Amino acid sequence: MELLRTTHLGKIYSGQVVHRALGDISFSVEKGEFVGIMGPSGSGKTTLLQLIATIDNPTSGEVLIDGQNPHQLGHNALARFRRQQLGFIFQDYNLLNTLTILENIVLPLTLEGEKVRTMEEKAHRIADRLGIASILNKWPYEVSGGQAQRTAIARAIIHEPKLLLADEPTGNLDSKSSRDVMETLTAINRADGATMLLVTHDALAASYCHRVLFIKDGELYNEIHRGDSQQAFFQKIIDVLSLLGGNAHDLSTIRV
């Protein structure tokens, strides 16, 4: 069953120099799918994620999430839609330093006015699953990058969003923490049937997805599916990236 569809999606930034960030992108994502988006720097992948996340508005085309076009909603309805239907994971974690790890995790439920006891029960359940139960009373600056990102994942899934959007979630992590985070996301995808969209430069991170879309110059360039072997998929991703070109730092050198 389809959860996300983009149709002829385009984005032009006007200013002194008009810049076409996205051309004409159409694709769909099924419920429970884990889809990666890759491409060189400036290819439009983050713009695409921002349009789907309703952080930015398309110049042309439309985004449908579970049959609804969030860009047609009024300001308050859109804020509610984003809060209830979407989960976000960012490269720099976006945790609030004035809140404990526990308070950061329950933030989406606080905004919805959930009972404190219910929030804490949910947070403890998720923290157990993600291996961060021992740090709930700590502050964000007291924990490691991997723990901070698992906290961000807990916050992103506590309200059971329909769509989880991750922008370079392993970008600030070492290779072991990257693997831990990607294995965590895979486990959530399998156990909860969560639908996920991952923007990444990292071929290792992308190799955890069911399929990867490649974008070049604001257009869909290629799409590959995982199959049975993660190792073989990783190699296919590396091959497509080398065809795509881009700067050296766009390509991950880590081997599975």
Protein backbone atom coordinates (compact mmCIF):
# COMPACT_ATOMS: atom_id res chain seq x y z
CA MET A 1 0.00 0.00 0.00
CA GLU A 2 1.37 3.38 -1.03
CA LEU A 3 2.26 5.86 1.72
CA LEU A 4 4.19 8.55 -0.14
CA ARG A 5 3.95 9.80 -3.71
CA THR A 6 5.68 12.73 -5.36
CA THR A 7 4.41 13.77 -8.78
CA HIS A 8 6.41 16.05 -11.12
CA LEU A 9 7.96 17.70 -8.09
CA GLY A 10 10.05 20.78 -8.89
CA LYS A 11 11.70 23.57 -6.91
CA ILE A 12 13.15 26.81 -8.27
CA TYR A 13 14.83 29.31 -5.97
CA SER A 14 14.53 32.80 -7.36
CA GLY A 15 16.87 35.65 -6.48
CA GLN A 16 19.57 37.50 -8.35
CA VAL A 17 20.48 34.12 -9.80
CA VAL A 18 17.59 31.72 -10.48
CA HIS A 19 18.52 28.23 -9.32
CA ARG A 20 16.59 25.10 -10.25
CA ALA A 21 17.16 22.77 -7.30
CA LEU A 22 14.74 20.05 -8.44
CA GLY A 23 13.47 19.38 -11.95
CA ASP A 24 10.65 16.89 -12.31
CA ILE A 25 10.74 14.14 -9.70
CA SER A 26 8.10 11.43 -9.48
CA PHE A 27 8.36 8.34 -7.29
CA SER A 28 6.36 6.48 -4.67
CA VAL A 29 7.15 4.69 -1.41
CA GLU A 30 5.13 1.77 -0.07
CA LYS A 31 4.08 1.47 3.57
CA GLY A 32 6.88 -0.17 5.53
CA GLU A 33 9.56 0.53 2.91
CA PHE A 34 13.02 1.83 3.82
CA VAL A 35 14.23 4.00 0.92
CA GLY A 36 17.57 5.78 0.54
CA ILE A 37 18.23 8.94 -1.49
CA MET A 38 21.78 9.60 -2.70
CA GLY A 39 23.59 11.96 -5.03
CA PRO A 40 26.52 14.37 -5.18
CA SER A 41 26.50 17.60 -3.14
CA GLY A 42 24.06 20.07 -4.69
CA SER A 43 22.12 17.34 -6.50
CA GLY A 44 18.83 18.29 -4.80
CA LYS A 45 18.42 15.43 -2.34
CA THR A 46 18.07 17.62 0.77
CA THR A 47 15.68 19.93 -1.10
CA LEU A 48 13.59 16.86 -1.96
CA LEU A 49 13.50 15.80 1.69
CA GLN A 50 12.52 19.33 2.77
CA LEU A 51 9.61 19.38 0.31
CA ILE A 52 8.37 16.01 1.56
CA ALA A 53 8.86 17.21 5.17
CA THR A 54 6.79 20.36 4.36
CA ILE A 55 9.71 22.51 5.56
CA ASP A 56 9.73 24.08 2.08
CA ASN A 57 7.06 24.43 -0.63
CA PRO A 58 7.39 23.03 -4.16
CA THR A 59 7.34 25.35 -7.17
CA SER A 60 5.55 22.68 -9.18
CA GLY A 61 4.08 19.21 -8.70
CA GLU A 62 2.71 17.73 -5.50
CA VAL A 63 3.50 15.57 -2.49
CA LEU A 64 0.92 13.10 -1.18
CA ILE A 65 1.39 11.46 2.22
CA ASP A 66 -1.19 8.75 2.84
CA GLY A 67 -3.34 10.34 0.13
CA GLN A 68 -3.20 13.86 1.61
CA ASN A 69 -1.35 16.88 0.21
CA PRO A 70 0.04 18.63 3.32
CA HIS A 71 1.07 21.68 1.27
CA GLN A 72 -2.62 22.54 0.85
CA LEU A 73 -3.22 22.75 4.60
CA GLY A 74 -3.48 26.00 6.55
CA HIS A 75 -0.74 27.02 8.97
CA ASN A 76 -2.18 25.38 12.13
CA ALA A 77 -3.37 22.23 10.36
CA LEU A 78 0.06 21.87 8.72
CA ALA A 79 1.84 22.22 12.08
CA ARG A 80 -0.45 19.51 13.50
CA PHE A 81 0.11 17.26 10.45
CA ARG A 82 3.89 17.60 10.77
CA ARG A 83 3.76 16.93 14.51
CA GLN A 84 1.48 13.87 14.28
CA GLN A 85 2.36 12.21 10.97
CA LEU A 86 6.09 12.87 10.50
CA GLY A 87 9.24 12.02 12.45
CA PHE A 88 12.58 13.76 11.85
CA ILE A 89 16.18 12.67 12.45
CA PHE A 90 18.95 15.18 11.67
CA GLN A 91 22.72 14.98 11.28
CA ASP A 92 23.33 17.27 14.27
CA TYR A 93 20.69 15.55 16.47
CA ASN A 94 18.81 18.83 17.24
CA LEU A 95 18.45 17.94 20.91
CA LEU A 96 17.59 20.75 23.33
CA ASN A 97 20.43 21.25 25.82
CA THR A 98 18.05 22.71 28.42
CA LEU A 99 16.13 19.40 28.58
CA THR A 100 17.26 16.01 29.90
CA ILE A 101 17.46 13.02 27.54
CA LEU A 102 14.05 11.86 28.84
CA GLU A 103 12.50 15.30 28.32
CA ASN A 104 13.92 15.46 24.78
CA ILE A 105 12.41 12.06 23.93
CA VAL A 106 8.90 12.95 25.15
CA LEU A 107 8.86 16.39 23.51
CA PRO A 108 6.45 15.42 20.66
CA LEU A 109 4.01 14.00 23.24
CA THR A 110 4.35 17.10 25.45
CA LEU A 111 3.26 19.22 22.47
CA GLU A 112 0.20 16.96 22.08
CA GLY A 113 -0.70 17.34 25.78
CA GLU A 114 -0.27 13.64 26.64
CA LYS A 115 -0.42 12.63 30.35
CA VAL A 116 2.98 12.70 32.09
CA ARG A 117 2.73 9.08 33.27
CA THR A 118 1.85 7.82 29.77
CA MET A 119 4.73 9.81 28.28
CA GLU A 120 7.23 8.41 30.73
CA GLU A 121 6.04 4.82 30.21
CA LYS A 122 6.41 5.21 26.43
CA ALA A 123 9.82 6.84 26.79
CA HIS A 124 11.15 4.07 29.07
CA ARG A 125 9.87 1.37 26.67
CA ILE A 126 11.60 3.01 23.69
CA ALA A 127 14.78 3.78 25.66
CA ASP A 128 15.01 0.08 26.61
CA ARG A 129 14.68 -0.90 22.95
CA LEU A 130 17.35 1.59 21.86
CA GLY A 131 19.79 0.84 24.68
CA ILE A 132 19.68 4.31 26.24
CA ALA A 133 17.67 3.59 29.42
CA SER A 134 20.71 4.33 31.59
CA ILE A 135 21.14 7.91 30.31
CA LEU A 136 17.57 9.23 30.61
CA ASN A 137 18.45 11.63 33.44
CA LYS A 138 21.58 12.98 31.73
CA TRP A 139 21.86 16.18 29.68
CA PRO A 140 22.59 16.05 25.92
CA TYR A 141 26.14 17.41 26.40
CA GLU A 142 26.94 14.49 28.77
CA VAL A 143 26.32 11.70 26.24
CA SER A 144 28.21 10.38 23.19
CA GLY A 145 27.29 11.15 19.58
CA GLY A 146 25.83 7.66 19.11
CA GLN A 147 23.71 8.02 22.26
CA ALA A 148 22.57 11.50 21.17
CA GLN A 149 21.48 10.11 17.79
CA ARG A 150 19.62 7.20 19.40
CA THR A 151 17.89 9.80 21.62
CA ALA A 152 16.91 11.70 18.46
CA ILE A 153 15.56 8.46 16.95
CA ALA A 154 13.54 7.78 20.12
CA ARG A 155 12.07 11.29 19.92
CA ALA A 156 11.28 10.79 16.22
CA ILE A 157 9.34 7.54 16.75
CA ILE A 158 7.65 8.02 20.16
CA HIS A 159 4.47 9.41 18.56
CA GLU A 160 4.40 6.58 15.96
CA PRO A 161 4.59 8.78 12.85
CA LYS A 162 3.50 7.45 9.46
CA LEU A 163 6.73 8.60 7.82
CA LEU A 164 10.22 8.88 9.30
CA LEU A 165 12.57 11.29 7.49
CA ALA A 166 16.32 11.09 8.18
CA ASP A 167 18.81 13.63 6.81
CA GLU A 168 22.41 12.36 7.04
CA PRO A 169 21.75 10.64 10.41
CA THR A 170 25.25 9.09 10.48
CA GLY A 171 27.05 12.23 9.22
CA ASN A 172 28.62 13.10 12.59
CA LEU A 173 29.29 9.55 13.80
CA ASP A 174 32.26 7.19 13.67
CA SER A 175 31.86 3.92 11.77
CA LYS A 176 30.81 1.82 14.78
CA SER A 177 28.19 4.35 15.91
CA SER A 178 27.01 4.64 12.28
CA ARG A 179 26.44 0.89 12.11
CA ASP A 180 24.63 0.96 15.48
CA VAL A 181 22.32 3.74 14.31
CA MET A 182 21.57 2.04 10.97
CA GLU A 183 20.92 -1.29 12.72
CA THR A 184 18.59 0.54 15.12
CA LEU A 185 16.67 2.09 12.20
CA THR A 186 16.50 -1.31 10.46
CA ALA A 187 15.12 -2.94 13.63
CA ILE A 188 12.45 -0.21 13.95
CA ASN A 189 11.55 -0.64 10.29
CA ARG A 190 11.16 -4.42 10.73
CA ALA A 191 9.44 -4.46 14.12
CA ASP A 192 7.07 -1.51 13.66
CA GLY A 193 6.68 -1.54 9.88
CA ALA A 194 7.79 2.12 9.96
CA THR A 195 8.15 3.79 6.56
CA MET A 196 11.51 5.55 6.24
CA LEU A 197 13.23 7.91 3.84
CA LEU A 198 16.98 8.37 4.34
CA VAL A 199 19.14 11.03 2.67
CA THR A 200 22.81 10.08 2.94
CA HIS A 201 26.28 10.45 1.43
CA ASP A 202 27.31 7.21 3.07
CA ALA A 203 27.17 4.04 0.95
CA LEU A 204 27.36 1.90 4.09
CA ALA A 205 24.28 3.61 5.58
CA ALA A 206 22.43 3.35 2.25
CA SER A 207 23.18 -0.40 2.05
CA TYR A 208 20.72 -0.94 4.94
CA CYS A 209 17.81 0.36 2.78
CA HIS A 210 15.47 -1.77 0.64
CA ARG A 211 16.26 0.40 -2.39
CA VAL A 212 18.15 3.57 -3.21
CA LEU A 213 17.15 6.43 -5.52
CA PHE A 214 20.00 8.43 -7.04
CA ILE A 215 19.56 12.09 -7.92
CA LYS A 216 21.77 14.13 -10.22
CA ASP A 217 21.25 17.80 -11.13
CA GLY A 218 17.76 17.78 -9.64
CA GLU A 219 16.57 14.77 -11.65
CA LEU A 220 16.14 11.07 -10.85
CA TYR A 221 19.20 9.36 -12.30
CA ASN A 222 18.88 5.72 -11.27
CA GLU A 223 17.28 3.34 -8.80
CA ILE A 224 18.64 0.05 -7.44
CA HIS A 225 17.08 -2.61 -5.21
CA ARG A 226 18.79 -4.50 -2.42
CA GLY A 227 18.01 -8.18 -2.92
CA ASP A 228 19.42 -10.72 -0.46
CA SER A 229 23.02 -9.58 -0.02
CA GLN A 230 23.86 -6.31 1.75
CA GLN A 231 27.49 -6.72 0.64
CA ALA A 232 26.52 -6.96 -3.03
CA PHE A 233 24.10 -4.02 -2.63
CA PHE A 234 26.86 -1.92 -1.03
CA GLN A 235 29.10 -2.63 -4.03
CA LYS A 236 26.31 -1.71 -6.47
CA ILE A 237 25.80 1.59 -4.62
CA ILE A 238 29.55 2.36 -4.84
CA ASP A 239 29.45 1.58 -8.58
CA VAL A 240 26.52 3.94 -9.25
CA LEU A 241 28.11 6.70 -7.13
CA SER A 242 31.35 6.45 -9.10
CA LEU A 243 29.35 6.80 -12.34
CA LEU A 244 27.53 9.80 -10.87
CA GLY A 245 30.78 11.58 -10.13
CA GLY A 246 30.92 14.35 -7.55
CA ASN A 247 33.59 15.30 -5.06
CA ALA A 248 35.69 12.73 -3.27
CA HIS A 249 34.04 13.50 0.07
CA ASP A 250 30.65 12.63 -1.44
CA LEU A 251 31.63 8.97 -1.49
CA SER A 252 32.04 6.77 1.55
CA THR A 253 35.28 4.82 1.69
CA ILE A 254 34.07 2.47 4.43
CA ARG A 255 33.75 -1.15 3.37
CA VAL A 256 31.04 -3.41 4.78
